[in-house]
Amino acid sequence: MDSTRQNKFSRLILKEMADLLSREGQNYYGNAFVTVTEVRVSPDLSQAKIYLSLFKEKDPARLLEMIRMHTKEIRGHLGNRIRNQVRVIPELLFFIDDSLDYAEKINNLMKNIIIPPDDQKG
């Protein structure tokens, strides 16, 4: 369970990363639609796992690799934004958040379930 400190730090990074990627994302990955869905921070606040949702992307692994190639640059921009609020800028680790794809798959499976009518008369 995350501490209050971790939760506040996670929310700060999520807000700043979402803004950073929406404003300067074209420099890192082109015109893809990328959103930050979640940020998880280690207990010592030295690492931030950033989960990205990549909408309608044909090759999400390639896009994620492009973002990872610019990690130092992104961390520098993040540092400029939050340097007065934190002591240490965390190491950034990017991951694909596939929870929306999973939910869509489950939803499609549920739509295709055929429930036979109850023919018992009582």
N, C-alpha and C. Protein backbone atom coordinates (compact mmCIF):
# COMPACT_ATOMS: atom_id res chain seq x y z
N MET A 1 0.84 -1.17 0.00
CA MET A 1 0.00 0.00 0.00
C MET A 1 0.89 1.24 0.00
N ASP A 2 0.55 2.16 -0.87
CA ASP A 2 1.36 3.36 -1.02
C ASP A 2 1.08 4.35 0.11
N SER A 3 2.13 5.08 0.48
CA SER A 3 1.98 6.10 1.52
C SER A 3 1.35 7.35 0.91
N THR A 4 0.94 8.25 1.78
CA THR A 4 0.37 9.52 1.34
C THR A 4 1.40 10.29 0.52
N ARG A 5 2.63 10.24 0.95
CA ARG A 5 3.71 10.92 0.24
C ARG A 5 3.87 10.39 -1.17
N GLN A 6 3.85 9.06 -1.32
CA GLN A 6 3.96 8.45 -2.64
C GLN A 6 2.77 8.84 -3.51
N ASN A 7 1.58 8.85 -2.95
CA ASN A 7 0.40 9.21 -3.72
C ASN A 7 0.47 10.65 -4.22
N LYS A 8 0.89 11.56 -3.36
CA LYS A 8 1.01 12.96 -3.78
C LYS A 8 2.06 13.11 -4.87
N PHE A 9 3.18 12.42 -4.69
CA PHE A 9 4.27 12.49 -5.67
C PHE A 9 3.81 11.90 -7.00
N SER A 10 3.08 10.79 -6.95
CA SER A 10 2.56 10.15 -8.17
C SER A 10 1.62 11.08 -8.92
N ARG A 11 0.71 11.73 -8.18
CA ARG A 11 -0.23 12.66 -8.82
C ARG A 11 0.49 13.84 -9.46
N LEU A 12 1.52 14.35 -8.78
CA LEU A 12 2.30 15.46 -9.33
C LEU A 12 2.96 15.04 -10.65
N ILE A 13 3.59 13.89 -10.65
CA ILE A 13 4.27 13.42 -11.86
C ILE A 13 3.26 13.13 -12.96
N LEU A 14 2.13 12.52 -12.62
CA LEU A 14 1.11 12.23 -13.62
C LEU A 14 0.64 13.52 -14.29
N LYS A 15 0.33 14.52 -13.49
CA LYS A 15 -0.15 15.80 -14.03
C LYS A 15 0.90 16.45 -14.93
N GLU A 16 2.12 16.51 -14.47
CA GLU A 16 3.18 17.16 -15.24
C GLU A 16 3.55 16.37 -16.49
N MET A 17 3.59 15.04 -16.39
CA MET A 17 3.92 14.22 -17.56
C MET A 17 2.82 14.31 -18.61
N ALA A 18 1.57 14.32 -18.17
CA ALA A 18 0.45 14.43 -19.12
C ALA A 18 0.55 15.76 -19.87
N ASP A 19 0.83 16.82 -19.15
CA ASP A 19 0.96 18.14 -19.78
C ASP A 19 2.18 18.18 -20.70
N LEU A 20 3.29 17.63 -20.24
CA LEU A 20 4.52 17.62 -21.03
C LEU A 20 4.34 16.85 -22.33
N LEU A 21 3.73 15.66 -22.25
CA LEU A 21 3.56 14.85 -23.46
C LEU A 21 2.53 15.44 -24.40
N SER A 22 1.53 16.12 -23.87
CA SER A 22 0.54 16.74 -24.76
C SER A 22 1.14 17.95 -25.48
N ARG A 23 2.02 18.68 -24.82
CA ARG A 23 2.61 19.88 -25.43
C ARG A 23 3.81 19.58 -26.32
N GLU A 24 4.65 18.66 -25.88
CA GLU A 24 5.90 18.42 -26.60
C GLU A 24 6.04 17.00 -27.12
N GLY A 25 4.95 16.23 -27.10
CA GLY A 25 5.00 14.84 -27.50
C GLY A 25 5.37 14.63 -28.96
N GLN A 26 5.00 15.57 -29.83
CA GLN A 26 5.31 15.41 -31.25
C GLN A 26 6.82 15.31 -31.48
N ASN A 27 7.61 15.92 -30.61
CA ASN A 27 9.07 15.85 -30.73
C ASN A 27 9.59 14.45 -30.44
N TYR A 28 8.85 13.68 -29.66
CA TYR A 28 9.32 12.36 -29.23
C TYR A 28 8.73 11.22 -30.04
N TYR A 29 7.46 11.33 -30.43
CA TYR A 29 6.82 10.18 -31.07
C TYR A 29 5.90 10.54 -32.22
N GLY A 30 5.94 11.75 -32.71
CA GLY A 30 5.13 12.11 -33.87
C GLY A 30 3.71 12.47 -33.48
N ASN A 31 2.75 12.08 -34.31
CA ASN A 31 1.36 12.49 -34.13
C ASN A 31 0.49 11.46 -33.42
N ALA A 32 1.08 10.48 -32.78
CA ALA A 32 0.30 9.46 -32.08
C ALA A 32 -0.43 10.07 -30.89
N PHE A 33 -1.54 9.45 -30.50
CA PHE A 33 -2.33 9.92 -29.37
C PHE A 33 -1.92 9.12 -28.14
N VAL A 34 -1.17 9.75 -27.26
CA VAL A 34 -0.62 9.09 -26.08
C VAL A 34 -1.15 9.79 -24.83
N THR A 35 -1.64 9.01 -23.88
CA THR A 35 -2.07 9.57 -22.60
C THR A 35 -1.39 8.83 -21.45
N VAL A 36 -1.17 9.55 -20.38
CA VAL A 36 -0.60 8.95 -19.17
C VAL A 36 -1.77 8.47 -18.32
N THR A 37 -1.83 7.17 -18.07
CA THR A 37 -2.96 6.62 -17.32
C THR A 37 -2.66 6.44 -15.85
N GLU A 38 -1.41 6.16 -15.52
CA GLU A 38 -1.07 5.90 -14.12
C GLU A 38 0.41 6.12 -13.91
N VAL A 39 0.77 6.53 -12.70
CA VAL A 39 2.17 6.65 -12.29
C VAL A 39 2.31 5.96 -10.95
N ARG A 40 3.25 5.06 -10.86
CA ARG A 40 3.55 4.38 -9.59
C ARG A 40 4.97 4.73 -9.20
N VAL A 41 5.13 5.16 -7.96
CA VAL A 41 6.42 5.63 -7.47
C VAL A 41 6.95 4.65 -6.43
N SER A 42 8.26 4.39 -6.46
CA SER A 42 8.88 3.52 -5.48
C SER A 42 8.83 4.20 -4.10
N PRO A 43 8.94 3.42 -3.02
CA PRO A 43 8.86 4.00 -1.67
C PRO A 43 9.89 5.10 -1.39
N ASP A 44 11.07 4.99 -2.01
CA ASP A 44 12.09 6.03 -1.79
C ASP A 44 12.00 7.17 -2.81
N LEU A 45 10.97 7.15 -3.66
CA LEU A 45 10.69 8.18 -4.67
C LEU A 45 11.79 8.31 -5.72
N SER A 46 12.61 7.28 -5.88
CA SER A 46 13.70 7.36 -6.85
C SER A 46 13.31 6.86 -8.23
N GLN A 47 12.22 6.11 -8.32
CA GLN A 47 11.77 5.59 -9.61
C GLN A 47 10.28 5.86 -9.79
N ALA A 48 9.93 6.21 -11.01
CA ALA A 48 8.52 6.41 -11.35
C ALA A 48 8.20 5.54 -12.55
N LYS A 49 7.26 4.62 -12.38
CA LYS A 49 6.79 3.80 -13.48
C LYS A 49 5.60 4.52 -14.09
N ILE A 50 5.74 4.88 -15.35
CA ILE A 50 4.72 5.66 -16.04
C ILE A 50 4.03 4.76 -17.05
N TYR A 51 2.72 4.61 -16.89
CA TYR A 51 1.93 3.76 -17.77
C TYR A 51 1.23 4.63 -18.80
N LEU A 52 1.46 4.29 -20.06
CA LEU A 52 0.94 5.07 -21.18
C LEU A 52 -0.11 4.28 -21.94
N SER A 53 -1.15 4.96 -22.34
CA SER A 53 -2.17 4.36 -23.20
C SER A 53 -1.94 4.90 -24.61
N LEU A 54 -1.76 4.00 -25.55
CA LEU A 54 -1.45 4.36 -26.93
C LEU A 54 -2.67 4.01 -27.78
N PHE A 55 -3.49 5.01 -28.09
CA PHE A 55 -4.74 4.77 -28.79
C PHE A 55 -4.53 4.59 -30.29
N LYS A 56 -5.19 3.56 -30.82
CA LYS A 56 -5.24 3.29 -32.26
C LYS A 56 -3.85 3.27 -32.91
N GLU A 57 -2.89 2.75 -32.17
CA GLU A 57 -1.52 2.68 -32.69
C GLU A 57 -1.28 1.28 -33.26
N LYS A 58 -0.78 1.22 -34.50
CA LYS A 58 -0.56 -0.08 -35.15
C LYS A 58 0.61 -0.83 -34.54
N ASP A 59 1.66 -0.10 -34.14
CA ASP A 59 2.84 -0.74 -33.56
C ASP A 59 3.19 -0.06 -32.24
N PRO A 60 2.49 -0.41 -31.16
CA PRO A 60 2.74 0.25 -29.89
C PRO A 60 4.14 0.01 -29.34
N ALA A 61 4.72 -1.15 -29.63
CA ALA A 61 6.07 -1.44 -29.13
C ALA A 61 7.10 -0.48 -29.73
N ARG A 62 6.94 -0.16 -31.01
CA ARG A 62 7.85 0.78 -31.67
C ARG A 62 7.69 2.18 -31.09
N LEU A 63 6.45 2.57 -30.85
CA LEU A 63 6.19 3.89 -30.28
C LEU A 63 6.76 3.99 -28.86
N LEU A 64 6.58 2.94 -28.07
CA LEU A 64 7.14 2.93 -26.72
C LEU A 64 8.66 3.02 -26.77
N GLU A 65 9.27 2.34 -27.71
CA GLU A 65 10.74 2.40 -27.85
C GLU A 65 11.19 3.81 -28.22
N MET A 66 10.42 4.51 -29.07
CA MET A 66 10.76 5.89 -29.42
C MET A 66 10.71 6.78 -28.18
N ILE A 67 9.72 6.58 -27.33
CA ILE A 67 9.61 7.36 -26.10
C ILE A 67 10.77 7.03 -25.17
N ARG A 68 11.10 5.75 -25.05
CA ARG A 68 12.21 5.34 -24.18
C ARG A 68 13.54 5.91 -24.65
N MET A 69 13.70 6.11 -25.96
CA MET A 69 14.95 6.70 -26.48
C MET A 69 15.11 8.14 -26.01
N HIS A 70 14.01 8.81 -25.70
CA HIS A 70 14.04 10.21 -25.28
C HIS A 70 13.85 10.37 -23.77
N THR A 71 14.07 9.30 -23.01
CA THR A 71 13.83 9.34 -21.56
C THR A 71 14.65 10.43 -20.88
N LYS A 72 15.92 10.56 -21.23
CA LYS A 72 16.76 11.58 -20.59
C LYS A 72 16.23 12.98 -20.85
N GLU A 73 15.83 13.23 -22.06
CA GLU A 73 15.30 14.54 -22.44
C GLU A 73 13.98 14.82 -21.71
N ILE A 74 13.10 13.81 -21.65
CA ILE A 74 11.82 13.95 -20.97
C ILE A 74 12.05 14.19 -19.48
N ARG A 75 12.98 13.45 -18.89
CA ARG A 75 13.29 13.62 -17.47
C ARG A 75 13.83 15.03 -17.20
N GLY A 76 14.64 15.55 -18.11
CA GLY A 76 15.14 16.92 -17.97
C GLY A 76 14.02 17.95 -17.98
N HIS A 77 13.08 17.79 -18.91
CA HIS A 77 11.94 18.71 -18.97
C HIS A 77 11.08 18.59 -17.71
N LEU A 78 10.87 17.35 -17.25
CA LEU A 78 10.11 17.14 -16.03
C LEU A 78 10.82 17.79 -14.85
N GLY A 79 12.13 17.65 -14.80
CA GLY A 79 12.91 18.26 -13.73
C GLY A 79 12.78 19.76 -13.69
N ASN A 80 12.76 20.39 -14.86
CA ASN A 80 12.58 21.84 -14.92
C ASN A 80 11.22 22.26 -14.37
N ARG A 81 10.22 21.41 -14.57
CA ARG A 81 8.87 21.74 -14.13
C ARG A 81 8.67 21.55 -12.62
N ILE A 82 9.30 20.52 -12.03
CA ILE A 82 9.01 20.18 -10.63
C ILE A 82 10.19 20.40 -9.70
N ARG A 83 11.24 21.04 -10.15
CA ARG A 83 12.45 21.15 -9.35
C ARG A 83 12.25 21.91 -8.04
N ASN A 84 11.29 22.81 -7.96
CA ASN A 84 11.05 23.54 -6.72
C ASN A 84 10.14 22.79 -5.75
N GLN A 85 9.61 21.66 -6.18
CA GLN A 85 8.66 20.92 -5.36
C GLN A 85 9.22 19.61 -4.82
N VAL A 86 10.32 19.13 -5.41
CA VAL A 86 10.90 17.84 -5.00
C VAL A 86 12.40 17.97 -4.84
N ARG A 87 12.97 17.02 -4.12
CA ARG A 87 14.43 17.03 -3.93
C ARG A 87 15.15 16.31 -5.06
N VAL A 88 14.59 15.16 -5.45
CA VAL A 88 15.24 14.33 -6.46
C VAL A 88 14.25 14.07 -7.59
N ILE A 89 14.71 14.21 -8.83
CA ILE A 89 13.88 13.87 -9.99
C ILE A 89 14.01 12.36 -10.19
N PRO A 90 12.91 11.64 -10.20
CA PRO A 90 12.99 10.18 -10.27
C PRO A 90 13.42 9.68 -11.64
N GLU A 91 13.95 8.47 -11.63
CA GLU A 91 14.24 7.76 -12.88
C GLU A 91 12.89 7.39 -13.49
N LEU A 92 12.74 7.61 -14.80
CA LEU A 92 11.47 7.35 -15.46
C LEU A 92 11.52 6.02 -16.20
N LEU A 93 10.53 5.19 -15.95
CA LEU A 93 10.38 3.91 -16.62
C LEU A 93 9.02 3.90 -17.30
N PHE A 94 9.00 3.69 -18.61
CA PHE A 94 7.75 3.75 -19.37
C PHE A 94 7.24 2.36 -19.70
N PHE A 95 5.93 2.18 -19.56
CA PHE A 95 5.27 0.91 -19.85
C PHE A 95 3.98 1.19 -20.60
N ILE A 96 3.53 0.19 -21.36
CA ILE A 96 2.24 0.30 -22.06
C ILE A 96 1.15 -0.16 -21.10
N ASP A 97 0.11 0.64 -20.96
CA ASP A 97 -1.04 0.28 -20.16
C ASP A 97 -2.07 -0.35 -21.09
N ASP A 98 -2.21 -1.65 -20.98
CA ASP A 98 -3.13 -2.36 -21.88
C ASP A 98 -4.45 -2.70 -21.18
N SER A 99 -4.76 -2.02 -20.10
CA SER A 99 -6.00 -2.32 -19.38
C SER A 99 -7.24 -2.00 -20.21
N LEU A 100 -7.19 -0.95 -21.05
CA LEU A 100 -8.33 -0.63 -21.90
C LEU A 100 -8.55 -1.71 -22.96
N ASP A 101 -7.47 -2.23 -23.52
CA ASP A 101 -7.58 -3.32 -24.49
C ASP A 101 -8.17 -4.57 -23.83
N TYR A 102 -7.72 -4.85 -22.61
CA TYR A 102 -8.22 -6.00 -21.88
C TYR A 102 -9.72 -5.85 -21.59
N ALA A 103 -10.12 -4.66 -21.16
CA ALA A 103 -11.53 -4.41 -20.87
C ALA A 103 -12.38 -4.55 -22.13
N GLU A 104 -11.87 -4.08 -23.26
CA GLU A 104 -12.60 -4.20 -24.52
C GLU A 104 -12.74 -5.67 -24.92
N LYS A 105 -11.70 -6.45 -24.70
CA LYS A 105 -11.74 -7.87 -25.03
C LYS A 105 -12.79 -8.58 -24.18
N ILE A 106 -12.81 -8.28 -22.88
CA ILE A 106 -13.80 -8.89 -21.98
C ILE A 106 -15.21 -8.46 -22.39
N ASN A 107 -15.38 -7.19 -22.74
CA ASN A 107 -16.67 -6.69 -23.16
C ASN A 107 -17.17 -7.43 -24.40
N ASN A 108 -16.28 -7.63 -25.38
CA ASN A 108 -16.65 -8.37 -26.59
C ASN A 108 -17.01 -9.81 -26.29
N LEU A 109 -16.29 -10.43 -25.37
CA LEU A 109 -16.61 -11.81 -24.99
C LEU A 109 -17.99 -11.88 -24.33
N MET A 110 -18.29 -10.89 -23.49
CA MET A 110 -19.59 -10.88 -22.81
C MET A 110 -20.74 -10.67 -23.80
N LYS A 111 -20.50 -9.90 -24.85
CA LYS A 111 -21.55 -9.67 -25.86
C LYS A 111 -21.87 -10.95 -26.62
N ASN A 112 -20.89 -11.83 -26.78
CA ASN A 112 -21.07 -13.03 -27.58
C ASN A 112 -21.58 -14.23 -26.77
N ILE A 113 -21.82 -14.05 -25.51
CA ILE A 113 -22.35 -15.15 -24.69
C ILE A 113 -23.83 -15.36 -25.02
N ILE A 114 -24.17 -16.60 -25.28
CA ILE A 114 -25.57 -16.94 -25.58
C ILE A 114 -26.12 -17.68 -24.36
N ILE A 115 -27.13 -17.10 -23.77
CA ILE A 115 -27.77 -17.69 -22.59
C ILE A 115 -29.07 -18.35 -23.05
N PRO A 116 -29.18 -19.65 -22.89
CA PRO A 116 -30.40 -20.32 -23.33
C PRO A 116 -31.59 -19.89 -22.46
N PRO A 117 -32.78 -19.82 -23.08
CA PRO A 117 -33.96 -19.41 -22.31
C PRO A 117 -34.32 -20.48 -21.27
N ASP A 118 -34.92 -20.02 -20.21
CA ASP A 118 -35.34 -20.92 -19.15
C ASP A 118 -36.74 -21.44 -19.50
N ASP A 119 -36.81 -22.72 -19.88
CA ASP A 119 -38.07 -23.30 -20.34
C ASP A 119 -38.86 -23.97 -19.21
N GLN A 120 -38.42 -23.84 -18.01
CA GLN A 120 -39.14 -24.49 -16.91
C GLN A 120 -40.40 -23.70 -16.55
N LYS A 121 -41.49 -24.41 -16.47
CA LYS A 121 -42.75 -23.78 -16.05
C LYS A 121 -43.20 -24.48 -14.79
N GLY A 122 -43.30 -23.75 -13.78
CA GLY A 122 -43.55 -24.23 -12.60
C GLY A 122 -44.25 -24.74 -11.64
